[in-house]
Amino acid sequence: MDPRTFLRPAALAVSPLPRPGDPARELPFALEPGRPAIVAFLRHTGCPFAERTMQMLREAAASSPGTQWIAVSHAPEPETGRWCLAIGGGGDVRILCDPSRRTYAAWGLGRSSLGHFMGARSLAAVISLAREGIRNRHPAGTRWQSAGTFAVDGEGVVRWVAIPEHAGELPDLDAALRSLE
């Protein structure tokens, strides 16, 4: 366990969250025009919730190849790569590493609170995932970073937003896909 993941990172200037109907924010690479996308900003690598989200993204990407699937990690590229291999790889999910967390901030995702990741609902969700064999792995990044998932249509317009109320709340990828129909 890396205790540095518990250190609260410097605050960044965080843009307002995009709402359905708003243009999607920029990513370090362009989304394919005319093709919808699901963009999932992960908690730290090593987090059971990030692991389960990646599993869900891989499964959804395999069954919905017409959609771009993007996972954003705030761990450095080597740590993200090792973590991805440890949890079964990225499959058809494109991985973006953003250790500066600037992309998170541009999409309206800032720091969370201690209660967000150490509260009763999050700890209950950790226990539930542990029963499924998903446990904390060697972490990289910060536990304080908020997660979020967005559905973007082929014209670059946000159609769905999911910001977890606590760290253990995972995105409903079926709802994300329905928003793009």
C-alpha atoms as a PDB file:
ATOM      1  CA  MET A   1       0.000   0.000   0.000  1.00  0.00           C
ATOM      2  CA  ASP A   2       1.368   3.405  -0.955  1.00  0.00           C
ATOM      3  CA  PRO A   3       0.434   5.874   1.805  1.00  0.00           C
ATOM      4  CA  ARG A   4       1.032   8.788  -0.601  1.00  0.00           C
ATOM      5  CA  THR A   5      -2.302   7.966  -2.257  1.00  0.00           C
ATOM      6  CA  PHE A   6      -3.956   9.255   0.930  1.00  0.00           C
ATOM      7  CA  LEU A   7      -2.279  12.681   0.642  1.00  0.00           C
ATOM      8  CA  ARG A   8      -4.697  15.299  -0.613  1.00  0.00           C
ATOM      9  CA  PRO A   9      -3.384  16.625  -3.946  1.00  0.00           C
ATOM     10  CA  ALA A  10      -3.165  20.269  -4.900  1.00  0.00           C
ATOM     11  CA  ALA A  11      -6.450  21.768  -5.989  1.00  0.00           C
ATOM     12  CA  LEU A  12      -6.850  22.497  -9.688  1.00  0.00           C
ATOM     13  CA  ALA A  13      -9.127  25.037 -11.337  1.00  0.00           C
ATOM     14  CA  VAL A  14     -12.102  22.817 -12.130  1.00  0.00           C
ATOM     15  CA  SER A  15     -14.512  23.720 -14.919  1.00  0.00           C
ATOM     16  CA  PRO A  16     -18.245  23.300 -14.366  1.00  0.00           C
ATOM     17  CA  LEU A  17     -19.510  19.819 -15.173  1.00  0.00           C
ATOM     18  CA  PRO A  18     -20.779  19.474 -18.718  1.00  0.00           C
ATOM     19  CA  ARG A  19     -24.503  18.804 -18.808  1.00  0.00           C
ATOM     20  CA  PRO A  20     -26.472  16.878 -21.406  1.00  0.00           C
ATOM     21  CA  GLY A  21     -26.663  19.114 -24.471  1.00  0.00           C
ATOM     22  CA  ASP A  22     -23.282  20.770 -23.827  1.00  0.00           C
ATOM     23  CA  PRO A  23     -20.341  20.260 -26.179  1.00  0.00           C
ATOM     24  CA  ALA A  24     -17.886  17.634 -24.978  1.00  0.00           C
ATOM     25  CA  ARG A  25     -14.677  18.911 -23.468  1.00  0.00           C
ATOM     26  CA  GLU A  26     -11.373  18.361 -25.169  1.00  0.00           C
ATOM     27  CA  LEU A  27      -9.277  15.275 -24.700  1.00  0.00           C
ATOM     28  CA  PRO A  28      -5.561  15.016 -25.559  1.00  0.00           C
ATOM     29  CA  PHE A  29      -6.672  13.223 -28.737  1.00  0.00           C
ATOM     30  CA  ALA A  30      -9.656  13.823 -30.983  1.00  0.00           C
ATOM     31  CA  LEU A  31     -12.732  11.658 -30.757  1.00  0.00           C
ATOM     32  CA  GLU A  32     -13.613  10.008 -34.052  1.00  0.00           C
ATOM     33  CA  PRO A  33     -16.164  12.243 -35.771  1.00  0.00           C
ATOM     34  CA  GLY A  34     -19.557  10.643 -36.350  1.00  0.00           C
ATOM     35  CA  ARG A  35     -18.908   7.900 -33.789  1.00  0.00           C
ATOM     36  CA  PRO A  36     -20.342   8.094 -30.256  1.00  0.00           C
ATOM     37  CA  ALA A  37     -18.097   7.680 -27.234  1.00  0.00           C
ATOM     38  CA  ILE A  38     -18.243   6.682 -23.599  1.00  0.00           C
ATOM     39  CA  VAL A  39     -15.542   8.484 -21.604  1.00  0.00           C
ATOM     40  CA  ALA A  40     -14.916   7.113 -18.108  1.00  0.00           C
ATOM     41  CA  PHE A  41     -12.635   8.982 -15.723  1.00  0.00           C
ATOM     42  CA  LEU A  42     -11.343   6.413 -13.247  1.00  0.00           C
ATOM     43  CA  ARG A  43     -10.457   6.600  -9.594  1.00  0.00           C
ATOM     44  CA  HIS A  44      -6.829   5.712  -8.821  1.00  0.00           C
ATOM     45  CA  THR A  45      -5.300   2.577 -10.291  1.00  0.00           C
ATOM     46  CA  GLY A  46      -5.401  -0.158  -7.686  1.00  0.00           C
ATOM     47  CA  CYS A  47      -8.872   0.943  -6.584  1.00  0.00           C
ATOM     48  CA  PRO A  48     -11.432  -1.889  -6.656  1.00  0.00           C
ATOM     49  CA  PHE A  49     -13.994   0.518  -8.129  1.00  0.00           C
ATOM     50  CA  ALA A  50     -11.646   1.487 -10.955  1.00  0.00           C
ATOM     51  CA  GLU A  51     -10.994  -2.211 -11.600  1.00  0.00           C
ATOM     52  CA  ARG A  52     -14.690  -3.064 -11.749  1.00  0.00           C
ATOM     53  CA  THR A  53     -15.334  -0.048 -13.988  1.00  0.00           C
ATOM     54  CA  MET A  54     -12.608  -1.237 -16.386  1.00  0.00           C
ATOM     55  CA  GLN A  55     -14.144  -4.715 -16.445  1.00  0.00           C
ATOM     56  CA  MET A  56     -17.524  -3.180 -17.248  1.00  0.00           C
ATOM     57  CA  LEU A  57     -16.002  -0.985 -19.972  1.00  0.00           C
ATOM     58  CA  ARG A  58     -14.252  -3.990 -21.576  1.00  0.00           C
ATOM     59  CA  GLU A  59     -17.468  -6.009 -21.556  1.00  0.00           C
ATOM     60  CA  ALA A  60     -19.502  -3.145 -23.015  1.00  0.00           C
ATOM     61  CA  ALA A  61     -16.862  -2.379 -25.653  1.00  0.00           C
ATOM     62  CA  ALA A  62     -16.892  -5.996 -26.806  1.00  0.00           C
ATOM     63  CA  SER A  63     -20.666  -5.900 -27.274  1.00  0.00           C
ATOM     64  CA  SER A  64     -20.876  -2.335 -28.675  1.00  0.00           C
ATOM     65  CA  PRO A  65     -17.994  -1.944 -31.143  1.00  0.00           C
ATOM     66  CA  GLY A  66     -19.650   1.007 -32.892  1.00  0.00           C
ATOM     67  CA  THR A  67     -18.977   3.135 -29.821  1.00  0.00           C
ATOM     68  CA  GLN A  68     -15.596   4.536 -28.792  1.00  0.00           C
ATOM     69  CA  TRP A  69     -14.677   3.426 -25.270  1.00  0.00           C
ATOM     70  CA  ILE A  70     -12.192   5.579 -23.391  1.00  0.00           C
ATOM     71  CA  ALA A  71     -10.851   5.198 -19.853  1.00  0.00           C
ATOM     72  CA  VAL A  72      -8.898   8.054 -18.302  1.00  0.00           C
ATOM     73  CA  SER A  73      -6.390   7.281 -15.534  1.00  0.00           C
ATOM     74  CA  HIS A  74      -4.544   9.839 -13.440  1.00  0.00           C
ATOM     75  CA  ALA A  75      -1.728   7.405 -12.680  1.00  0.00           C
ATOM     76  CA  PRO A  76       1.432   7.700 -14.797  1.00  0.00           C
ATOM     77  CA  GLU A  77       1.568   5.555 -17.930  1.00  0.00           C
ATOM     78  CA  PRO A  78       3.889   2.817 -16.564  1.00  0.00           C
ATOM     79  CA  GLU A  79       1.732   2.283 -13.465  1.00  0.00           C
ATOM     80  CA  THR A  80      -1.475   2.390 -15.496  1.00  0.00           C
ATOM     81  CA  GLY A  81      -0.038  -0.153 -17.938  1.00  0.00           C
ATOM     82  CA  ARG A  82       0.991  -2.537 -15.159  1.00  0.00           C
ATOM     83  CA  TRP A  83      -2.393  -2.171 -13.506  1.00  0.00           C
ATOM     84  CA  CYS A  84      -4.243  -2.838 -16.777  1.00  0.00           C
ATOM     85  CA  LEU A  85      -2.230  -6.011 -17.353  1.00  0.00           C
ATOM     86  CA  ALA A  86      -2.910  -7.148 -13.773  1.00  0.00           C
ATOM     87  CA  ILE A  87      -6.668  -6.777 -14.213  1.00  0.00           C
ATOM     88  CA  GLY A  88      -6.888  -8.447 -17.624  1.00  0.00           C
ATOM     89  CA  GLY A  89      -5.952  -5.664 -20.030  1.00  0.00           C
ATOM     90  CA  GLY A  90      -7.911  -2.906 -21.666  1.00  0.00           C
ATOM     91  CA  GLY A  91      -9.501  -4.908 -24.476  1.00  0.00           C
ATOM     92  CA  ASP A  92     -11.121  -2.490 -26.921  1.00  0.00           C
ATOM     93  CA  VAL A  93     -10.968   0.369 -24.404  1.00  0.00           C
ATOM     94  CA  ARG A  94      -8.576   3.178 -25.275  1.00  0.00           C
ATOM     95  CA  ILE A  95      -6.586   4.242 -22.201  1.00  0.00           C
ATOM     96  CA  LEU A  96      -5.539   7.837 -21.621  1.00  0.00           C
ATOM     97  CA  CYS A  97      -3.071   8.704 -18.841  1.00  0.00           C
ATOM     98  CA  ASP A  98      -3.467  12.139 -17.270  1.00  0.00           C
ATOM     99  CA  PRO A  99      -1.157  12.385 -14.226  1.00  0.00           C
ATOM    100  CA  SER A 100      -1.638  16.176 -14.180  1.00  0.00           C
ATOM    101  CA  ARG A 101      -5.400  15.606 -13.722  1.00  0.00           C
ATOM    102  CA  ARG A 102      -5.985  18.590 -16.047  1.00  0.00           C
ATOM    103  CA  THR A 103      -8.300  16.577 -18.282  1.00  0.00           C
ATOM    104  CA  TYR A 104     -10.300  15.566 -15.207  1.00  0.00           C
ATOM    105  CA  ALA A 105     -10.557  19.242 -14.222  1.00  0.00           C
ATOM    106  CA  ALA A 106     -11.587  20.288 -17.740  1.00  0.00           C
ATOM    107  CA  TRP A 107     -14.475  17.799 -17.561  1.00  0.00           C
ATOM    108  CA  GLY A 108     -15.573  19.181 -14.172  1.00  0.00           C
ATOM    109  CA  LEU A 109     -14.002  16.509 -11.962  1.00  0.00           C
ATOM    110  CA  GLY A 110     -12.073  17.755  -8.942  1.00  0.00           C
ATOM    111  CA  ARG A 111     -11.116  16.426  -5.568  1.00  0.00           C
ATOM    112  CA  SER A 112     -13.607  14.445  -3.538  1.00  0.00           C
ATOM    113  CA  SER A 113     -14.030  14.392   0.231  1.00  0.00           C
ATOM    114  CA  LEU A 114     -12.727  11.883   2.760  1.00  0.00           C
ATOM    115  CA  GLY A 115     -16.306  10.680   3.252  1.00  0.00           C
ATOM    116  CA  HIS A 116     -16.585  10.057  -0.502  1.00  0.00           C
ATOM    117  CA  PHE A 117     -14.031   7.245  -0.448  1.00  0.00           C
ATOM    118  CA  MET A 118     -13.956   6.285   3.250  1.00  0.00           C
ATOM    119  CA  GLY A 119     -17.671   6.591   4.041  1.00  0.00           C
ATOM    120  CA  ALA A 120     -19.944   3.709   4.983  1.00  0.00           C
ATOM    121  CA  ARG A 121     -21.405   3.248   1.477  1.00  0.00           C
ATOM    122  CA  SER A 122     -17.956   3.108  -0.129  1.00  0.00           C
ATOM    123  CA  LEU A 123     -16.612   0.693   2.482  1.00  0.00           C
ATOM    124  CA  ALA A 124     -19.676  -1.543   2.054  1.00  0.00           C
ATOM    125  CA  ALA A 125     -19.061  -1.530  -1.705  1.00  0.00           C
ATOM    126  CA  VAL A 126     -15.388  -2.484  -1.120  1.00  0.00           C
ATOM    127  CA  ILE A 127     -16.549  -5.482   0.915  1.00  0.00           C
ATOM    128  CA  SER A 128     -19.018  -6.480  -1.784  1.00  0.00           C
ATOM    129  CA  LEU A 129     -16.346  -6.354  -4.498  1.00  0.00           C
ATOM    130  CA  ALA A 130     -13.905  -8.265  -2.279  1.00  0.00           C
ATOM    131  CA  ARG A 131     -16.452 -11.095  -2.154  1.00  0.00           C
ATOM    132  CA  GLU A 132     -16.258 -11.109  -5.980  1.00  0.00           C
ATOM    133  CA  GLY A 133     -12.455 -11.326  -5.830  1.00  0.00           C
ATOM    134  CA  ILE A 134     -11.772  -7.654  -6.585  1.00  0.00           C
ATOM    135  CA  ARG A 135      -9.519  -6.168  -3.934  1.00  0.00           C
ATOM    136  CA  ASN A 136      -7.236  -3.191  -3.514  1.00  0.00           C
ATOM    137  CA  ARG A 137      -4.078  -3.591  -5.551  1.00  0.00           C
ATOM    138  CA  HIS A 138      -0.897  -1.571  -5.358  1.00  0.00           C
ATOM    139  CA  PRO A 139      -2.295   1.947  -5.835  1.00  0.00           C
ATOM    140  CA  ALA A 140      -0.984   4.785  -7.966  1.00  0.00           C
ATOM    141  CA  GLY A 141      -2.514   8.241  -8.159  1.00  0.00           C
ATOM    142  CA  THR A 142      -4.686   9.756  -5.477  1.00  0.00           C
ATOM    143  CA  ARG A 143      -7.730   8.481  -3.661  1.00  0.00           C
ATOM    144  CA  TRP A 144      -9.077  12.040  -3.559  1.00  0.00           C
ATOM    145  CA  GLN A 145      -9.760  12.340  -7.307  1.00  0.00           C
ATOM    146  CA  SER A 146     -13.424  12.215  -8.329  1.00  0.00           C
ATOM    147  CA  ALA A 147     -14.528   9.773 -10.992  1.00  0.00           C
ATOM    148  CA  GLY A 148     -17.155  10.421 -13.651  1.00  0.00           C
ATOM    149  CA  THR A 149     -18.537   8.915 -16.845  1.00  0.00           C
ATOM    150  CA  PHE A 150     -19.910  10.704 -19.897  1.00  0.00           C
ATOM    151  CA  ALA A 151     -21.701   9.635 -23.081  1.00  0.00           C
ATOM    152  CA  VAL A 152     -20.885  11.795 -26.112  1.00  0.00           C
ATOM    153  CA  ASP A 153     -22.795  11.491 -29.383  1.00  0.00           C
ATOM    154  CA  GLY A 154     -21.185  11.392 -32.834  1.00  0.00           C
ATOM    155  CA  GLU A 155     -21.513  15.168 -33.133  1.00  0.00           C
ATOM    156  CA  GLY A 156     -19.473  15.755 -29.971  1.00  0.00           C
ATOM    157  CA  VAL A 157     -22.419  16.618 -27.708  1.00  0.00           C
ATOM    158  CA  VAL A 158     -22.660  15.263 -24.162  1.00  0.00           C
ATOM    159  CA  ARG A 159     -25.840  13.180 -23.826  1.00  0.00           C
ATOM    160  CA  TRP A 160     -25.389  11.562 -20.399  1.00  0.00           C
ATOM    161  CA  VAL A 161     -23.406  12.302 -17.237  1.00  0.00           C
ATOM    162  CA  ALA A 162     -22.816  10.082 -14.193  1.00  0.00           C
ATOM    163  CA  ILE A 163     -20.995  11.471 -11.184  1.00  0.00           C
ATOM    164  CA  PRO A 164     -20.886   8.997  -8.282  1.00  0.00           C
ATOM    165  CA  GLU A 165     -22.320  10.096  -4.948  1.00  0.00           C
ATOM    166  CA  HIS A 166     -19.686   7.904  -3.266  1.00  0.00           C
ATOM    167  CA  ALA A 167     -16.611   6.065  -4.533  1.00  0.00           C
ATOM    168  CA  GLY A 168     -18.418   2.730  -4.698  1.00  0.00           C
ATOM    169  CA  GLU A 169     -21.164   3.922  -7.039  1.00  0.00           C
ATOM    170  CA  LEU A 170     -20.369   2.530 -10.492  1.00  0.00           C
ATOM    171  CA  PRO A 171     -21.622   3.949 -13.806  1.00  0.00           C
ATOM    172  CA  ASP A 172     -24.675   2.467 -15.523  1.00  0.00           C
ATOM    173  CA  LEU A 173     -23.165   1.827 -18.954  1.00  0.00           C
ATOM    174  CA  ASP A 174     -26.481   0.539 -20.338  1.00  0.00           C
ATOM    175  CA  ALA A 175     -28.050   3.924 -19.536  1.00  0.00           C
ATOM    176  CA  ALA A 176     -25.050   5.638 -21.142  1.00  0.00           C
ATOM    177  CA  LEU A 177     -25.568   3.652 -24.345  1.00  0.00           C
ATOM    178  CA  ARG A 178     -29.339   4.260 -24.338  1.00  0.00           C
ATOM    179  CA  SER A 179     -28.679   7.994 -24.194  1.00  0.00           C
ATOM    180  CA  LEU A 180     -26.886   7.721 -27.527  1.00  0.00           C
ATOM    181  CA  GLU A 181     -29.774   6.030 -29.389  1.00  0.00           C
END
